[in-house]
Protein backbone atom coordinates (compact mmCIF):
# COMPACT_ATOMS: atom_id res chain seq x y z
CA MET A 1 -60.04 -37.51 27.45
CA THR A 2 -58.78 -40.00 29.80
CA GLU A 3 -56.07 -42.77 30.54
CA SER A 4 -55.74 -45.33 32.03
CA ASP A 5 -52.33 -46.34 34.31
CA GLY A 6 -51.03 -49.42 33.82
CA LYS A 7 -50.43 -51.95 36.68
CA PRO A 8 -48.47 -55.17 37.30
CA HIS A 9 -48.91 -57.97 35.36
CA ARG A 10 -49.72 -61.53 36.80
CA GLY A 11 -47.17 -62.78 33.73
CA PRO A 12 -43.50 -63.68 33.38
CA ALA A 13 -40.92 -60.79 34.64
CA ALA A 14 -39.13 -58.23 31.76
CA PRO A 15 -35.75 -59.71 31.44
CA ASP A 16 -34.49 -57.39 33.59
CA GLY A 17 -36.50 -58.96 36.38
CA GLU A 18 -38.69 -56.24 36.64
CA PRO A 19 -42.24 -57.06 36.70
CA VAL A 20 -44.53 -56.57 33.20
CA TYR A 21 -46.64 -53.69 33.25
CA ALA A 22 -50.15 -52.98 31.19
CA ASP A 23 -50.11 -51.00 28.35
CA ARG A 24 -50.99 -47.05 29.65
CA VAL A 25 -54.17 -45.59 26.93
CA TYR A 26 -54.67 -42.18 25.75
CA ARG A 27 -57.76 -41.86 23.65
CA SER A 28 -59.71 -38.65 23.26
CA ILE A 29 -63.32 -39.41 25.14
CA PRO A 30 -65.34 -36.90 23.10
CA GLY A 31 -63.83 -38.47 19.26
CA VAL A 32 -65.15 -41.48 20.83
CA ILE A 33 -68.67 -40.55 22.11
CA SER A 34 -69.37 -39.00 18.79
CA GLY A 35 -68.07 -41.93 17.23
CA VAL A 36 -70.75 -44.18 18.47
CA LEU A 37 -73.65 -41.11 18.09
CA LEU A 38 -72.37 -40.59 14.20
CA LEU A 39 -73.17 -44.40 13.61
CA ALA A 40 -76.08 -44.38 16.20
CA VAL A 41 -77.84 -41.90 14.22
CA ALA A 42 -76.53 -43.50 10.41
CA GLY A 43 -77.72 -46.69 12.11
CA TRP A 44 -81.34 -45.41 12.57
CA LEU A 45 -81.40 -43.30 8.75
CA ILE A 46 -80.30 -46.26 6.89
CA GLY A 47 -82.47 -48.88 8.79
CA ASP A 48 -85.60 -46.71 7.96
CA ALA A 49 -84.59 -46.46 4.14
CA VAL A 50 -84.00 -50.04 4.14
CA LEU A 51 -87.75 -50.87 5.27
CA ASN A 52 -89.71 -48.00 4.11
CA GLY A 53 -87.25 -47.01 1.15
CA THR A 54 -88.67 -47.92 -2.73
CA GLY A 55 -87.39 -48.84 -5.91
CA LYS A 56 -82.89 -49.03 -5.26
CA THR A 57 -83.09 -46.79 -2.22
CA PRO A 58 -82.71 -49.84 0.02
CA TYR A 59 -80.03 -51.09 -2.42
CA VAL A 60 -78.17 -48.15 -2.06
CA SER A 61 -78.41 -47.41 1.53
CA LEU A 62 -76.97 -50.88 2.51
CA ALA A 63 -74.19 -49.93 -0.03
CA ALA A 64 -73.06 -46.69 1.84
CA VAL A 65 -72.73 -48.75 4.95
CA PRO A 66 -69.31 -49.77 4.91
CA VAL A 67 -68.63 -46.49 2.81
CA PHE A 68 -70.09 -44.15 5.88
CA ALA A 69 -69.42 -46.71 9.29
CA PHE A 70 -65.85 -47.77 8.66
CA PRO A 71 -64.28 -44.21 8.18
CA VAL A 72 -65.66 -43.37 11.22
CA ILE A 73 -64.55 -45.82 12.98
CA ALA A 74 -61.50 -45.12 12.08
CA TYR A 75 -61.15 -41.59 12.37
CA THR A 76 -63.29 -41.59 16.18
CA LEU A 77 -62.83 -45.39 17.93
CA ARG A 78 -59.87 -46.73 16.67
CA PRO A 79 -57.35 -43.47 17.41
CA ALA A 80 -55.67 -44.84 20.39
CA VAL A 81 -52.14 -43.80 22.43
CA LEU A 82 -50.71 -47.12 23.66
CA ALA A 83 -47.15 -47.35 26.00
CA ASN A 84 -45.54 -49.16 28.17
CA SER A 85 -42.13 -49.84 29.18
CA ARG A 86 -40.45 -51.44 25.68
CA ARG A 87 -42.49 -49.47 22.93
CA LEU A 88 -45.45 -46.69 21.78
CA VAL A 89 -47.66 -47.67 19.60
CA VAL A 90 -50.11 -45.02 17.96
CA ARG A 91 -53.23 -46.23 16.47
CA ASN A 92 -53.83 -43.28 13.47
CA PRO A 93 -57.09 -43.36 11.16
CA LEU A 94 -54.91 -45.62 8.69
CA ARG A 95 -51.70 -46.73 9.67
CA THR A 96 -50.62 -48.20 13.24
CA ILE A 97 -47.11 -46.80 14.36
CA THR A 98 -44.68 -49.52 16.94
CA ALA A 99 -41.76 -47.07 17.97
CA PRO A 100 -39.41 -48.41 20.64
CA TRP A 101 -38.49 -45.97 22.91
CA ALA A 102 -34.93 -46.69 21.98
CA ALA A 103 -35.96 -45.53 18.26
CA VAL A 104 -37.93 -42.17 19.88
CA ASP A 105 -36.81 -39.49 19.18
CA ALA A 106 -38.88 -36.99 20.88
CA LEU A 107 -42.52 -35.94 21.31
CA ARG A 108 -44.01 -32.48 20.72
CA ALA A 109 -47.20 -30.63 20.49
CA GLY A 110 -47.80 -27.73 18.80
CA TYR A 111 -50.76 -27.18 16.98
CA SER A 112 -51.03 -31.03 16.81
CA VAL A 113 -48.77 -33.65 18.53
CA GLU A 114 -46.19 -35.44 16.44
CA LEU A 115 -44.16 -38.35 17.16
CA LEU A 116 -40.42 -38.17 15.73
CA ALA A 117 -38.97 -41.52 15.16
CA ASP A 118 -36.06 -43.11 13.03
CA GLY A 119 -35.83 -39.70 11.42
CA ARG A 120 -39.57 -39.48 10.76
CA LYS A 121 -42.60 -37.49 11.80
CA PHE A 122 -46.06 -39.27 12.49
CA GLN A 123 -49.09 -37.23 13.62
CA VAL A 124 -50.84 -38.91 16.76
CA TRP A 125 -54.66 -38.49 16.24
CA ALA A 126 -55.71 -40.05 19.50
CA VAL A 127 -54.44 -36.87 21.31
CA PRO A 128 -55.75 -33.24 19.81
CA VAL A 129 -54.79 -30.27 21.20
CA SER A 130 -56.91 -28.11 22.42
CA LEU A 131 -56.14 -24.29 22.23
CA ARG A 132 -58.78 -23.55 24.62
CA GLN A 133 -57.64 -26.06 27.29
CA ARG A 134 -54.09 -24.24 26.88
CA LYS A 135 -55.68 -20.93 26.98
CA ARG A 136 -57.72 -22.09 30.07
CA ALA A 137 -55.27 -23.82 31.65
CA ALA A 138 -52.75 -20.36 31.70
CA ARG A 139 -55.51 -18.80 33.47
CA VAL A 140 -55.06 -20.85 36.17
CA GLU A 141 -51.59 -21.36 36.71
CA ARG A 142 -51.39 -16.75 36.54
CA ARG A 143 -54.15 -16.86 38.90
CA GLY A 144 -52.77 -19.83 40.84
CA GLY A 145 -49.69 -17.58 40.92
CA VAL A 146 -50.84 -14.41 42.05
CA GLU A 147 -52.29 -15.91 44.87
CA ARG A 148 -48.86 -17.94 46.03
CA HIS A 149 -47.41 -14.06 45.39
CA ALA A 150 -50.47 -12.37 47.95
CA SER A 151 -49.60 -15.68 50.49
CA ARG A 152 -46.18 -15.09 50.62
CA LEU A 153 -46.72 -10.88 51.16
CA GLY A 154 -49.13 -12.24 53.76
CA THR A 155 -52.62 -11.15 52.34
CA ALA A 156 -55.74 -12.25 54.21
CA PHE A 157 -57.91 -12.30 51.02
CA ALA A 158 -55.44 -14.97 49.45
CA ARG A 159 -57.14 -18.75 48.74
CA PRO A 160 -54.94 -21.11 49.60
CA THR A 161 -53.71 -23.12 46.48
CA PRO A 162 -55.10 -26.28 46.04
CA SER A 163 -52.40 -28.89 46.50
CA VAL A 164 -51.54 -31.19 43.72
CA VAL A 165 -51.92 -35.41 43.64
CA GLU A 166 -49.33 -37.26 42.29
CA GLY A 167 -50.78 -38.60 39.04
CA ALA A 168 -53.67 -36.82 39.04
CA PRO A 169 -55.25 -34.11 36.17
CA ASP A 170 -52.77 -30.97 36.61
CA PRO A 171 -55.23 -27.91 36.20
CA ASN A 172 -52.04 -25.96 35.07
CA ARG A 173 -52.00 -27.60 32.26
CA ALA A 174 -54.16 -29.07 28.90
CA TRP A 175 -54.58 -32.33 28.40
CA SER A 176 -52.45 -32.54 25.36
CA ASP A 177 -49.39 -31.46 27.13
CA GLN A 178 -49.88 -34.10 29.68
CA VAL A 179 -49.71 -37.25 28.01
CA VAL A 180 -46.91 -35.45 26.00
CA GLY A 181 -44.84 -34.78 28.99
CA VAL A 182 -45.62 -38.38 30.16
CA LEU A 183 -45.06 -40.07 26.75
CA GLN A 184 -41.83 -38.25 26.78
CA GLU A 185 -40.63 -39.44 30.43
CA LEU A 186 -41.16 -42.17 29.39
CA ALA A 187 -39.38 -42.40 26.22
CA GLU A 188 -36.16 -41.06 28.37
CA ARG A 189 -36.48 -43.08 31.01
CA ASN A 190 -36.73 -46.37 28.88
CA ALA A 191 -34.73 -45.85 25.98
CA ALA A 192 -32.03 -47.83 27.17
CA ARG A 193 -33.51 -51.17 28.21
CA PRO A 194 -31.92 -54.03 26.51
CA ASP A 195 -35.71 -55.20 25.09
CA ALA A 196 -36.67 -51.31 23.88
CA ALA A 197 -34.42 -51.57 20.78
CA GLY A 198 -35.39 -52.01 17.11
CA PRO A 199 -37.17 -50.14 14.07
CA VAL A 200 -40.20 -48.62 13.98
CA VAL A 201 -42.63 -50.40 12.56
CA VAL A 202 -46.16 -49.13 10.28
CA ARG A 203 -48.54 -51.37 9.36
CA TRP A 204 -51.82 -50.09 7.05
CA CYS A 205 -55.57 -50.99 8.41
CA TRP A 206 -56.50 -52.93 5.38
CA TRP A 207 -59.42 -53.80 7.90
CA ILE A 208 -60.67 -50.68 7.37
CA ILE A 209 -59.56 -49.88 3.76
CA ALA A 210 -59.74 -52.62 1.86
CA PRO A 211 -64.27 -52.59 3.04
CA THR A 212 -64.22 -48.74 2.89
CA LEU A 213 -62.64 -49.37 -1.19
CA LEU A 214 -65.23 -52.30 -1.63
CA GLY A 215 -68.18 -50.77 -0.48
CA LEU A 216 -68.14 -47.50 -2.49
CA VAL A 217 -67.40 -49.83 -5.64
CA GLY A 218 -70.53 -51.25 -4.90
CA LEU A 219 -72.05 -48.10 -3.62
CA ILE A 220 -71.23 -46.41 -7.36
CA VAL A 221 -72.66 -49.85 -9.17
CA ALA A 222 -75.93 -49.40 -6.63
CA ILE A 223 -76.53 -46.06 -7.95
CA ALA A 224 -75.24 -46.29 -11.75
CA VAL A 225 -77.59 -49.95 -11.96
């Protein structure tokens, strides 16, 4: 799992005179990798069925392509969170939520990451919560606390606690909790900006939904004929 920090564009400045920064992008790298692998395996199997299949197998295989490919793209490659000084964009599998910072009430990470905006709640698919990461981070935090305590007591066996570099991943927090912390900080910092106001806009991802439904109809027809 990774993030890319925004860097200043060479374009025009924002209305308040500050430089315009590129979006910070957050997405699940394991999800992207699994999606690419699933598409590769499916492409190999479908290609083999089309080339070597008999009867209506090639037609059924081709009809199954959009039914399989578009949902895989939607749930693995598409999810992402994009944030800049004006708004937060949450790309979920079937919807895109655009929330100006002034409309964001809170972001929280429980068993999943949630965006609260305009009195509504949205799941954030691109930032999955890992309980294993949280447990590992808690162990690192406890170990660091013991070592710091031993160091204060002058124990010779205490290992030095690694220094924290600004902007680097924090081993004491799970990745999802770090992302939520950064986004919450951006919301609090930018909510008062004049260009960060406006309603929450939700758009359905029809380029995923329509081909999947049409492919499903085609698959049913190919099987029935």
